[in-house]
PDB file of N, CA and C in Angstrom:
ATOM      1  N   UNK A   1     -39.538  12.284 -16.429  1.00  0.00           N
ATOM      2  CA  UNK A   1     -38.500  13.077 -16.057  1.00  0.00           C
ATOM      3  C   UNK A   1     -38.250  12.675 -14.463  1.00  0.00           C
ATOM      4  N   UNK A   2     -39.372  12.671 -13.719  1.00  0.00           N
ATOM      5  CA  UNK A   2     -39.209  12.126 -12.469  1.00  0.00           C
ATOM      6  C   UNK A   2     -38.680  10.771 -12.370  1.00  0.00           C
ATOM      7  N   UNK A   3     -38.998   9.875 -13.221  1.00  0.00           N
ATOM      8  CA  UNK A   3     -38.427   8.637 -13.376  1.00  0.00           C
ATOM      9  C   UNK A   3     -36.900   8.307 -13.540  1.00  0.00           C
ATOM     10  N   UNK A   4     -36.547   9.288 -14.304  1.00  0.00           N
ATOM     11  CA  UNK A   4     -35.129   9.271 -14.742  1.00  0.00           C
ATOM     12  C   UNK A   4     -34.337   9.832 -13.525  1.00  0.00           C
ATOM     13  N   UNK A   5     -34.947  10.844 -13.022  1.00  0.00           N
ATOM     14  CA  UNK A   5     -34.188  11.400 -11.729  1.00  0.00           C
ATOM     15  C   UNK A   5     -34.141  10.320 -10.402  1.00  0.00           C
ATOM     16  N   UNK A   6     -35.312   9.832 -10.235  1.00  0.00           N
ATOM     17  CA  UNK A   6     -35.341   8.405  -9.354  1.00  0.00           C
ATOM     18  C   UNK A   6     -34.486   7.342  -9.638  1.00  0.00           C
ATOM     19  N   UNK A   7     -34.290   7.007 -10.961  1.00  0.00           N
ATOM     20  CA  UNK A   7     -33.441   6.124 -11.296  1.00  0.00           C
ATOM     21  C   UNK A   7     -31.839   6.593 -11.013  1.00  0.00           C
ATOM     22  N   UNK A   8     -31.548   7.442 -11.453  1.00  0.00           N
ATOM     23  CA  UNK A   8     -30.223   8.261 -11.326  1.00  0.00           C
ATOM     24  C   UNK A   8     -29.864   8.415  -9.705  1.00  0.00           C
ATOM     25  N   UNK A   9     -30.831   8.729  -8.986  1.00  0.00           N
ATOM     26  CA  UNK A   9     -30.628   8.636  -7.502  1.00  0.00           C
ATOM     27  C   UNK A   9     -30.344   7.272  -6.812  1.00  0.00           C
ATOM     28  N   UNK A  10     -31.194   6.382  -7.369  1.00  0.00           N
ATOM     29  CA  UNK A  10     -31.058   5.053  -6.906  1.00  0.00           C
ATOM     30  C   UNK A  10     -29.659   4.447  -7.223  1.00  0.00           C
ATOM     31  N   UNK A  11     -29.074   4.645  -8.587  1.00  0.00           N
ATOM     32  CA  UNK A  11     -28.074   4.129  -9.037  1.00  0.00           C
ATOM     33  C   UNK A  11     -26.791   4.697  -8.212  1.00  0.00           C
ATOM     34  N   UNK A  12     -26.874   6.011  -7.954  1.00  0.00           N
ATOM     35  CA  UNK A  12     -25.860   6.822  -7.016  1.00  0.00           C
ATOM     36  C   UNK A  12     -25.664   6.365  -5.768  1.00  0.00           C
ATOM     37  N   UNK A  13     -26.909   6.128  -5.259  1.00  0.00           N
ATOM     38  CA  UNK A  13     -27.004   5.521  -3.914  1.00  0.00           C
ATOM     39  C   UNK A  13     -26.238   4.052  -3.811  1.00  0.00           C
ATOM     40  N   UNK A  14     -26.679   3.270  -4.838  1.00  0.00           N
ATOM     41  CA  UNK A  14     -26.039   1.947  -5.221  1.00  0.00           C
ATOM     42  C   UNK A  14     -24.574   1.883  -5.184  1.00  0.00           C
ATOM     43  N   UNK A  15     -24.065   2.935  -5.844  1.00  0.00           N
ATOM     44  CA  UNK A  15     -22.505   2.947  -6.131  1.00  0.00           C
ATOM     45  C   UNK A  15     -22.074   3.516  -4.734  1.00  0.00           C
ATOM     46  N   UNK A  16     -22.670   4.341  -3.868  1.00  0.00           N
ATOM     47  CA  UNK A  16     -21.834   4.886  -2.867  1.00  0.00           C
ATOM     48  C   UNK A  16     -22.112   4.051  -1.554  1.00  0.00           C
ATOM     49  N   UNK A  17     -22.860   2.963  -1.575  1.00  0.00           N
ATOM     50  CA  UNK A  17     -23.153   2.064  -0.576  1.00  0.00           C
ATOM     51  C   UNK A  17     -21.775   1.322   0.109  1.00  0.00           C
ATOM     52  N   UNK A  18     -21.050   0.934  -0.879  1.00  0.00           N
ATOM     53  CA  UNK A  18     -19.742   0.361  -0.370  1.00  0.00           C
ATOM     54  C   UNK A  18     -18.768   1.260   0.493  1.00  0.00           C
ATOM     55  N   UNK A  19     -18.916   2.606  -0.165  1.00  0.00           N
ATOM     56  CA  UNK A  19     -18.234   3.569   0.566  1.00  0.00           C
ATOM     57  C   UNK A  19     -18.492   3.745   1.954  1.00  0.00           C
ATOM     58  N   UNK A  20     -20.075   4.006   2.176  1.00  0.00           N
ATOM     59  CA  UNK A  20     -20.585   4.173   3.567  1.00  0.00           C
ATOM     60  C   UNK A  20     -20.325   3.085   4.448  1.00  0.00           C
ATOM     61  N   UNK A  21     -20.238   1.733   3.928  1.00  0.00           N
ATOM     62  CA  UNK A  21     -20.215   0.573   4.797  1.00  0.00           C
ATOM     63  C   UNK A  21     -18.613   0.510   5.196  1.00  0.00           C
ATOM     64  N   UNK A  22     -17.764   1.023   4.421  1.00  0.00           N
ATOM     65  CA  UNK A  22     -16.218   1.035   4.714  1.00  0.00           C
ATOM     66  C   UNK A  22     -15.837   2.200   5.789  1.00  0.00           C
ATOM     67  N   UNK A  23     -16.555   3.195   5.585  1.00  0.00           N
ATOM     68  CA  UNK A  23     -16.420   4.222   6.595  1.00  0.00           C
ATOM     69  C   UNK A  23     -16.963   3.942   7.883  1.00  0.00           C
ATOM     70  N   UNK A  24     -17.867   3.016   7.926  1.00  0.00           N
ATOM     71  CA  UNK A  24     -18.554   2.611   9.298  1.00  0.00           C
ATOM     72  C   UNK A  24     -17.796   1.657   9.799  1.00  0.00           C
ATOM     73  N   UNK A  25     -16.686   1.055   9.449  1.00  0.00           N
ATOM     74  CA  UNK A  25     -15.875   0.140  10.017  1.00  0.00           C
ATOM     75  C   UNK A  25     -15.167   0.572  11.277  1.00  0.00           C
ATOM     76  N   UNK A  26     -15.098   1.596  11.428  1.00  0.00           N
ATOM     77  CA  UNK A  26     -14.340   2.335  12.744  1.00  0.00           C
ATOM     78  C   UNK A  26     -12.908   2.983  12.266  1.00  0.00           C
ATOM     79  N   UNK A  27     -12.379   3.240  13.531  1.00  0.00           N
ATOM     80  CA  UNK A  27     -11.005   3.743  13.457  1.00  0.00           C
ATOM     81  C   UNK A  27      -9.829   2.809  13.281  1.00  0.00           C
ATOM     82  N   UNK A  28      -9.809   2.010  12.459  1.00  0.00           N
ATOM     83  CA  UNK A  28      -8.984   0.966  12.369  1.00  0.00           C
ATOM     84  C   UNK A  28      -7.487   1.449  12.059  1.00  0.00           C
ATOM     85  N   UNK A  29      -7.405   2.153  10.965  1.00  0.00           N
ATOM     86  CA  UNK A  29      -6.240   2.860  10.485  1.00  0.00           C
ATOM     87  C   UNK A  29      -6.443   4.053   9.669  1.00  0.00           C
ATOM     88  N   UNK A  30      -5.415   4.659   9.148  1.00  0.00           N
ATOM     89  CA  UNK A  30      -5.578   6.018   8.431  1.00  0.00           C
ATOM     90  C   UNK A  30      -5.908   5.897   7.095  1.00  0.00           C
ATOM     91  N   UNK A  31      -6.281   4.733   6.538  1.00  0.00           N
ATOM     92  CA  UNK A  31      -6.800   4.550   5.248  1.00  0.00           C
ATOM     93  C   UNK A  31      -8.306   4.681   5.154  1.00  0.00           C
ATOM     94  N   UNK A  32      -8.788   4.651   6.374  1.00  0.00           N
ATOM     95  CA  UNK A  32     -10.437   5.038   6.495  1.00  0.00           C
ATOM     96  C   UNK A  32     -10.586   6.383   6.348  1.00  0.00           C
ATOM     97  N   UNK A  33     -11.499   6.914   5.484  1.00  0.00           N
ATOM     98  CA  UNK A  33     -11.803   8.251   5.201  1.00  0.00           C
ATOM     99  C   UNK A  33     -12.274   8.929   6.522  1.00  0.00           C
ATOM    100  N   UNK A  34     -13.018   8.200   7.374  1.00  0.00           N
ATOM    101  CA  UNK A  34     -13.576   8.764   8.696  1.00  0.00           C
ATOM    102  C   UNK A  34     -12.265   9.092   9.726  1.00  0.00           C
ATOM    103  N   UNK A  35     -11.460   8.212   9.618  1.00  0.00           N
ATOM    104  CA  UNK A  35     -10.266   8.560  10.732  1.00  0.00           C
ATOM    105  C   UNK A  35      -9.599   9.658  10.032  1.00  0.00           C
ATOM    106  N   UNK A  36      -9.235   9.564   8.753  1.00  0.00           N
ATOM    107  CA  UNK A  36      -8.543  10.954   8.206  1.00  0.00           C
ATOM    108  C   UNK A  36      -9.124  12.168   8.370  1.00  0.00           C
ATOM    109  N   UNK A  37     -10.556  12.215   8.237  1.00  0.00           N
ATOM    110  CA  UNK A  37     -11.291  13.453   8.557  1.00  0.00           C
ATOM    111  C   UNK A  37     -11.116  13.781  10.016  1.00  0.00           C
ATOM    112  N   UNK A  38     -11.227  12.854  11.104  1.00  0.00           N
ATOM    113  CA  UNK A  38     -11.192  13.183  12.379  1.00  0.00           C
ATOM    114  C   UNK A  38      -9.871  13.752  12.725  1.00  0.00           C
ATOM    115  N   UNK A  39      -8.644  13.184  11.954  1.00  0.00           N
ATOM    116  CA  UNK A  39      -7.257  13.550  12.373  1.00  0.00           C
ATOM    117  C   UNK A  39      -7.208  14.958  11.792  1.00  0.00           C
ATOM    118  N   UNK A  40      -7.647  15.258  10.687  1.00  0.00           N
ATOM    119  CA  UNK A  40      -7.489  16.351  10.044  1.00  0.00           C
ATOM    120  C   UNK A  40      -8.331  17.717  10.692  1.00  0.00           C
ATOM    121  N   UNK A  41      -9.470  17.338  11.352  1.00  0.00           N
ATOM    122  CA  UNK A  41     -10.194  18.196  12.340  1.00  0.00           C
ATOM    123  C   UNK A  41      -9.355  18.524  13.489  1.00  0.00           C
ATOM    124  N   UNK A  42      -8.851  17.668  14.082  1.00  0.00           N
ATOM    125  CA  UNK A  42      -7.845  17.970  15.109  1.00  0.00           C
ATOM    126  C   UNK A  42      -6.817  18.849  14.770  1.00  0.00           C
ATOM    127  N   UNK A  43      -6.280  18.557  13.757  1.00  0.00           N
ATOM    128  CA  UNK A  43      -5.040  19.340  13.259  1.00  0.00           C
ATOM    129  C   UNK A  43      -5.596  20.695  12.810  1.00  0.00           C
ATOM    130  N   UNK A  44      -6.741  20.873  12.287  1.00  0.00           N
ATOM    131  CA  UNK A  44      -7.267  22.206  11.888  1.00  0.00           C
ATOM    132  C   UNK A  44      -7.637  23.090  13.128  1.00  0.00           C
ATOM    133  N   UNK A  45      -8.105  22.469  14.042  1.00  0.00           N
ATOM    134  CA  UNK A  45      -8.678  23.259  15.490  1.00  0.00           C
ATOM    135  C   UNK A  45      -7.229  23.479  16.001  1.00  0.00           C
ATOM    136  N   UNK A  46      -6.104  22.858  16.134  1.00  0.00           N
ATOM    137  CA  UNK A  46      -4.877  23.243  16.736  1.00  0.00           C
ATOM    138  C   UNK A  46      -4.247  24.403  15.753  1.00  0.00           C
ATOM    139  N   UNK A  47      -4.329  24.310  14.650  1.00  0.00           N
ATOM    140  CA  UNK A  47      -3.589  25.347  13.757  1.00  0.00           C
ATOM    141  C   UNK A  47      -4.239  26.832  13.784  1.00  0.00           C
ATOM    142  N   UNK A  48      -5.721  26.784  13.774  1.00  0.00           N
ATOM    143  CA  UNK A  48      -6.510  27.736  13.989  1.00  0.00           C
ATOM    144  C   UNK A  48      -6.302  28.675  15.307  1.00  0.00           C
ATOM    145  N   UNK A  49      -6.195  27.801  16.437  1.00  0.00           N
ATOM    146  CA  UNK A  49      -5.906  28.291  17.706  1.00  0.00           C
ATOM    147  C   UNK A  49      -4.513  28.871  17.538  1.00  0.00           C
ATOM    148  N   UNK A  50      -3.614  28.209  17.009  1.00  0.00           N
ATOM    149  CA  UNK A  50      -2.216  28.784  17.083  1.00  0.00           C
ATOM    150  C   UNK A  50      -2.171  30.120  16.157  1.00  0.00           C
ATOM    151  N   UNK A  51      -2.754  30.123  15.258  1.00  0.00           N
ATOM    152  CA  UNK A  51      -2.968  31.635  14.569  1.00  0.00           C
ATOM    153  C   UNK A  51      -3.783  32.538  15.098  1.00  0.00           C
ATOM    154  N   UNK A  52      -4.545  32.184  15.875  1.00  0.00           N
ATOM    155  CA  UNK A  52      -5.317  33.342  16.746  1.00  0.00           C
ATOM    156  C   UNK A  52      -4.476  33.881  17.653  1.00  0.00           C
ATOM    157  N   UNK A  53      -3.508  33.155  18.444  1.00  0.00           N
ATOM    158  CA  UNK A  53      -2.474  33.584  19.276  1.00  0.00           C
ATOM    159  C   UNK A  53      -1.547  34.527  18.663  1.00  0.00           C
ATOM    160  N   UNK A  54      -1.329  35.642  19.293  1.00  0.00           N
ATOM    161  CA  UNK A  54      -0.563  36.551  18.978  1.00  0.00           C
ATOM    162  C   UNK A  54       1.116  36.250  19.381  1.00  0.00           C
ATOM    163  N   UNK A  55       1.102  35.477  20.322  1.00  0.00           N
ATOM    164  CA  UNK A  55       2.502  34.879  20.859  1.00  0.00           C
ATOM    165  C   UNK A  55       3.301  33.986  19.982  1.00  0.00           C
ATOM    166  N   UNK A  56       2.269  33.138  19.374  1.00  0.00           N
ATOM    167  CA  UNK A  56       2.655  31.852  18.640  1.00  0.00           C
ATOM    168  C   UNK A  56       2.965  32.280  17.177  1.00  0.00           C
ATOM    169  N   UNK A  57       3.996  31.977  16.514  1.00  0.00           N
ATOM    170  CA  UNK A  57       4.212  31.983  15.192  1.00  0.00           C
ATOM    171  C   UNK A  57       3.631  30.767  14.446  1.00  0.00           C
ATOM    172  N   UNK A  58       2.244  30.875  14.048  1.00  0.00           N
ATOM    173  CA  UNK A  58       1.776  29.596  13.310  1.00  0.00           C
ATOM    174  C   UNK A  58       2.355  29.072  12.123  1.00  0.00           C
ATOM    175  N   UNK A  59       2.889  29.899  11.410  1.00  0.00           N
ATOM    176  CA  UNK A  59       3.311  29.698  10.009  1.00  0.00           C
ATOM    177  C   UNK A  59       4.487  28.771  10.199  1.00  0.00           C
ATOM    178  N   UNK A  60       5.363  28.758  11.149  1.00  0.00           N
ATOM    179  CA  UNK A  60       6.411  28.161  11.165  1.00  0.00           C
ATOM    180  C   UNK A  60       6.363  26.847  12.034  1.00  0.00           C
ATOM    181  N   UNK A  61       5.171  26.408  12.650  1.00  0.00           N
ATOM    182  CA  UNK A  61       4.972  25.293  13.418  1.00  0.00           C
ATOM    183  C   UNK A  61       4.041  24.299  12.671  1.00  0.00           C
ATOM    184  N   UNK A  62       4.476  23.217  12.592  1.00  0.00           N
ATOM    185  CA  UNK A  62       3.985  22.071  11.717  1.00  0.00           C
ATOM    186  C   UNK A  62       3.001  21.206  12.867  1.00  0.00           C
ATOM    187  N   UNK A  63       1.774  20.754  12.528  1.00  0.00           N
ATOM    188  CA  UNK A  63       0.777  19.862  13.454  1.00  0.00           C
ATOM    189  C   UNK A  63       0.629  18.648  12.582  1.00  0.00           C
ATOM    190  N   UNK A  64       0.709  17.461  13.322  1.00  0.00           N
ATOM    191  CA  UNK A  64       0.515  16.440  12.566  1.00  0.00           C
ATOM    192  C   UNK A  64      -0.327  15.472  13.694  1.00  0.00           C
ATOM    193  N   UNK A  65      -1.223  15.089  13.355  1.00  0.00           N
ATOM    194  CA  UNK A  65      -2.121  14.194  14.382  1.00  0.00           C
ATOM    195  C   UNK A  65      -2.442  12.740  13.794  1.00  0.00           C
ATOM    196  N   UNK A  66      -1.985  11.761  14.491  1.00  0.00           N
ATOM    197  CA  UNK A  66      -2.259  10.372  14.104  1.00  0.00           C
ATOM    198  C   UNK A  66      -3.573   9.924  14.501  1.00  0.00           C
ATOM    199  N   UNK A  67      -3.901   8.493  14.136  1.00  0.00           N
ATOM    200  CA  UNK A  67      -5.220   8.032  13.980  1.00  0.00           C
ATOM    201  C   UNK A  67      -5.729   7.767  15.741  1.00  0.00           C
ATOM    202  N   UNK A  68      -4.647   7.874  16.551  1.00  0.00           N
ATOM    203  CA  UNK A  68      -5.113   7.736  18.126  1.00  0.00           C
ATOM    204  C   UNK A  68      -5.295   9.002  18.519  1.00  0.00           C
ATOM    205  N   UNK A  69      -5.155   9.956  18.145  1.00  0.00           N
ATOM    206  CA  UNK A  69      -5.258  11.405  18.736  1.00  0.00           C
ATOM    207  C   UNK A  69      -3.991  11.906  19.339  1.00  0.00           C
ATOM    208  N   UNK A  70      -2.844  11.397  19.013  1.00  0.00           N
ATOM    209  CA  UNK A  70      -1.455  11.824  19.456  1.00  0.00           C
ATOM    210  C   UNK A  70      -0.872  12.752  18.519  1.00  0.00           C
ATOM    211  N   UNK A  71      -0.662  13.979  18.764  1.00  0.00           N
ATOM    212  CA  UNK A  71      -0.203  15.347  18.114  1.00  0.00           C
ATOM    213  C   UNK A  71       1.199  15.364  18.035  1.00  0.00           C
ATOM    214  N   UNK A  72       1.877  15.665  17.114  1.00  0.00           N
ATOM    215  CA  UNK A  72       3.253  15.940  16.879  1.00  0.00           C
ATOM    216  C   UNK A  72       3.441  17.495  16.601  1.00  0.00           C
ATOM    217  N   UNK A  73       4.211  18.241  17.436  1.00  0.00           N
ATOM    218  CA  UNK A  73       4.367  19.733  16.858  1.00  0.00           C
ATOM    219  C   UNK A  73       5.855  19.819  16.505  1.00  0.00           C
ATOM    220  N   UNK A  74       6.086  20.355  15.486  1.00  0.00           N
ATOM    221  CA  UNK A  74       7.450  20.683  14.914  1.00  0.00           C
ATOM    222  C   UNK A  74       7.630  21.709  14.317  1.00  0.00           C
ATOM    223  N   UNK A  75       8.834  22.397  14.162  1.00  0.00           N
ATOM    224  CA  UNK A  75       9.132  23.509  13.332  1.00  0.00           C
ATOM    225  C   UNK A  75       9.993  24.397  14.263  1.00  0.00           C
ATOM    226  N   UNK A  76       9.765  25.790  13.964  1.00  0.00           N
ATOM    227  CA  UNK A  76      10.696  26.711  14.934  1.00  0.00           C
ATOM    228  C   UNK A  76       9.879  27.700  15.507  1.00  0.00           C
ATOM    229  N   UNK A  77      10.229  28.321  16.594  1.00  0.00           N
ATOM    230  CA  UNK A  77       9.482  29.428  17.367  1.00  0.00           C
ATOM    231  C   UNK A  77      10.633  30.308  17.761  1.00  0.00           C
ATOM    232  N   UNK A  78      10.273  31.518  18.177  1.00  0.00           N
ATOM    233  CA  UNK A  78      11.381  32.599  18.614  1.00  0.00           C
ATOM    234  C   UNK A  78      11.740  32.547  19.937  1.00  0.00           C
ATOM    235  N   UNK A  79      10.967  31.883  20.824  1.00  0.00           N
ATOM    236  CA  UNK A  79      11.347  31.800  22.228  1.00  0.00           C
ATOM    237  C   UNK A  79      10.755  30.461  22.803  1.00  0.00           C
ATOM    238  N   UNK A  80      11.063  30.217  24.104  1.00  0.00           N
ATOM    239  CA  UNK A  80      10.602  29.008  24.797  1.00  0.00           C
ATOM    240  C   UNK A  80       9.171  29.148  25.258  1.00  0.00           C
ATOM    241  N   UNK A  81       8.913  30.463  25.441  1.00  0.00           N
ATOM    242  CA  UNK A  81       7.249  30.894  25.830  1.00  0.00           C
ATOM    243  C   UNK A  81       6.616  30.475  24.688  1.00  0.00           C
ATOM    244  N   UNK A  82       6.928  30.941  23.443  1.00  0.00           N
ATOM    245  CA  UNK A  82       6.068  30.332  22.221  1.00  0.00           C
ATOM    246  C   UNK A  82       6.071  28.657  22.205  1.00  0.00           C
ATOM    247  N   UNK A  83       7.071  28.055  22.362  1.00  0.00           N
ATOM    248  CA  UNK A  83       7.237  26.592  22.419  1.00  0.00           C
ATOM    249  C   UNK A  83       6.028  25.875  23.448  1.00  0.00           C
ATOM    250  N   UNK A  84       6.399  26.500  24.527  1.00  0.00           N
ATOM    251  CA  UNK A  84       5.586  26.262  25.693  1.00  0.00           C
ATOM    252  C   UNK A  84       3.976  26.376  25.316  1.00  0.00           C
ATOM    253  N   UNK A  85       3.692  27.609  24.732  1.00  0.00           N
ATOM    254  CA  UNK A  85       2.247  28.017  24.663  1.00  0.00           C
ATOM    255  C   UNK A  85       1.553  26.967  23.474  1.00  0.00           C
ATOM    256  N   UNK A  86       2.389  26.734  22.425  1.00  0.00           N
ATOM    257  CA  UNK A  86       1.879  25.940  21.546  1.00  0.00           C
ATOM    258  C   UNK A  86       1.646  24.518  21.988  1.00  0.00           C
ATOM    259  N   UNK A  87       2.394  24.052  22.847  1.00  0.00           N
ATOM    260  CA  UNK A  87       2.107  22.740  23.347  1.00  0.00           C
ATOM    261  C   UNK A  87       0.859  22.832  24.391  1.00  0.00           C
ATOM    262  N   UNK A  88       0.657  23.888  25.040  1.00  0.00           N
ATOM    263  CA  UNK A  88      -0.620  24.075  25.904  1.00  0.00           C
ATOM    264  C   UNK A  88      -1.824  24.185  25.068  1.00  0.00           C
ATOM    265  N   UNK A  89      -1.714  24.691  24.047  1.00  0.00           N
ATOM    266  CA  UNK A  89      -2.818  24.944  23.092  1.00  0.00           C
ATOM    267  C   UNK A  89      -3.192  23.601  22.626  1.00  0.00           C
ATOM    268  N   UNK A  90      -2.248  22.764  22.137  1.00  0.00           N
ATOM    269  CA  UNK A  90      -2.345  21.608  21.527  1.00  0.00           C
ATOM    270  C   UNK A  90      -2.985  20.459  22.585  1.00  0.00           C
ATOM    271  N   UNK A  91      -2.515  20.711  23.948  1.00  0.00           N
ATOM    272  CA  UNK A  91      -3.021  19.767  24.716  1.00  0.00           C
ATOM    273  C   UNK A  91      -4.420  20.085  25.286  1.00  0.00           C
ATOM    274  N   UNK A  92      -4.952  21.293  25.163  1.00  0.00           N
ATOM    275  CA  UNK A  92      -6.250  21.738  25.438  1.00  0.00           C
ATOM    276  C   UNK A  92      -7.187  21.530  24.458  1.00  0.00           C
ATOM    277  N   UNK A  93      -7.038  21.253  23.069  1.00  0.00           N
ATOM    278  CA  UNK A  93      -7.629  20.760  22.266  1.00  0.00           C
ATOM    279  C   UNK A  93      -8.578  19.594  22.142  1.00  0.00           C
ATOM    280  N   UNK A  94      -9.825  19.672  22.085  1.00  0.00           N
ATOM    281  CA  UNK A  94     -10.597  18.659  22.079  1.00  0.00           C
ATOM    282  C   UNK A  94     -10.080  17.320  21.163  1.00  0.00           C
ATOM    283  N   UNK A  95     -10.134  15.948  21.708  1.00  0.00           N
ATOM    284  CA  UNK A  95      -9.639  14.993  20.947  1.00  0.00           C
ATOM    285  C   UNK A  95      -8.221  14.769  20.985  1.00  0.00           C
ATOM    286  N   UNK A  96      -7.443  15.436  21.576  1.00  0.00           N
ATOM    287  CA  UNK A  96      -6.130  15.141  21.636  1.00  0.00           C
ATOM    288  C   UNK A  96      -5.753  14.414  22.931  1.00  0.00           C
ATOM    289  N   UNK A  97      -4.958  13.325  22.577  1.00  0.00           N
ATOM    290  CA  UNK A  97      -4.878  12.428  23.623  1.00  0.00           C
ATOM    291  C   UNK A  97      -3.387  12.685  24.372  1.00  0.00           C
ATOM    292  N   UNK A  98      -2.370  13.019  23.486  1.00  0.00           N
ATOM    293  CA  UNK A  98      -1.102  13.098  23.824  1.00  0.00           C
ATOM    294  C   UNK A  98      -0.448  14.053  22.770  1.00  0.00           C
ATOM    295  N   UNK A  99       0.801  14.871  23.370  1.00  0.00           N
ATOM    296  CA  UNK A  99       1.199  15.850  22.558  1.00  0.00           C
ATOM    297  C   UNK A  99       2.696  15.641  22.495  1.00  0.00           C
ATOM    298  N   UNK A 100       3.454  15.501  21.483  1.00  0.00           N
ATOM    299  CA  UNK A 100       4.984  15.393  21.497  1.00  0.00           C
ATOM    300  C   UNK A 100       5.451  16.930  20.798  1.00  0.00           C
ATOM    301  N   UNK A 101       6.155  17.476  21.544  1.00  0.00           N
ATOM    302  CA  UNK A 101       6.459  18.810  21.102  1.00  0.00           C
ATOM    303  C   UNK A 101       7.832  18.771  20.789  1.00  0.00           C
ATOM    304  N   UNK A 102       8.085  18.845  19.452  1.00  0.00           N
ATOM    305  CA  UNK A 102       9.523  18.958  18.970  1.00  0.00           C
ATOM    306  C   UNK A 102       9.915  20.369  18.274  1.00  0.00           C
ATOM    307  N   UNK A 103       9.122  21.416  18.762  1.00  0.00           N
ATOM    308  CA  UNK A 103       9.578  22.559  18.220  1.00  0.00           C
ATOM    309  C   UNK A 103      10.846  23.142  18.831  1.00  0.00           C
ATOM    310  N   UNK A 104      11.686  23.684  18.008  1.00  0.00           N
ATOM    311  CA  UNK A 104      12.870  24.154  18.425  1.00  0.00           C
ATOM    312  C   UNK A 104      13.006  25.709  18.276  1.00  0.00           C
ATOM    313  N   UNK A 105      13.731  26.443  19.162  1.00  0.00           N
ATOM    314  CA  UNK A 105      13.991  27.724  18.968  1.00  0.00           C
ATOM    315  C   UNK A 105      14.863  28.102  17.645  1.00  0.00           C
ATOM    316  N   UNK A 106      14.318  29.058  16.888  1.00  0.00           N
ATOM    317  CA  UNK A 106      15.047  29.461  15.748  1.00  0.00           C
ATOM    318  C   UNK A 106      16.315  30.321  16.021  1.00  0.00           C
ATOM    319  N   UNK A 107      17.406  30.103  15.180  1.00  0.00           N
ATOM    320  CA  UNK A 107      18.638  30.728  15.225  1.00  0.00           C
ATOM    321  C   UNK A 107      18.234  32.169  14.873  1.00  0.00           C
ATOM    322  N   UNK A 108      18.703  33.149  15.520  1.00  0.00           N
ATOM    323  CA  UNK A 108      18.488  34.500  15.211  1.00  0.00           C
ATOM    324  C   UNK A 108      19.438  34.919  14.122  1.00  0.00           C
TER     325      UNK A 108
END
């Protein structure tokens, strides 16, 4: 039983080795799982902070992060204060290099 378990672990490790090597190549492009996870973490941090803010309507704001740490905010907000606050939250988030704020004021 122990031999079978050890053999299974060895084979699983052998099959996962190319994935680990590919992930260690660095932040070359979005096709790398490591880069995609990093981008997703930044996006999630910003969305979480937006949801915690009572002033900002996080449901109507979209956050996209590229592989260099540039964040693009889009969607609609009720006021200019919400737009400014969303931009400030994004800029203050760790890992963000720059922010492009394309949020518009929603028509009432």
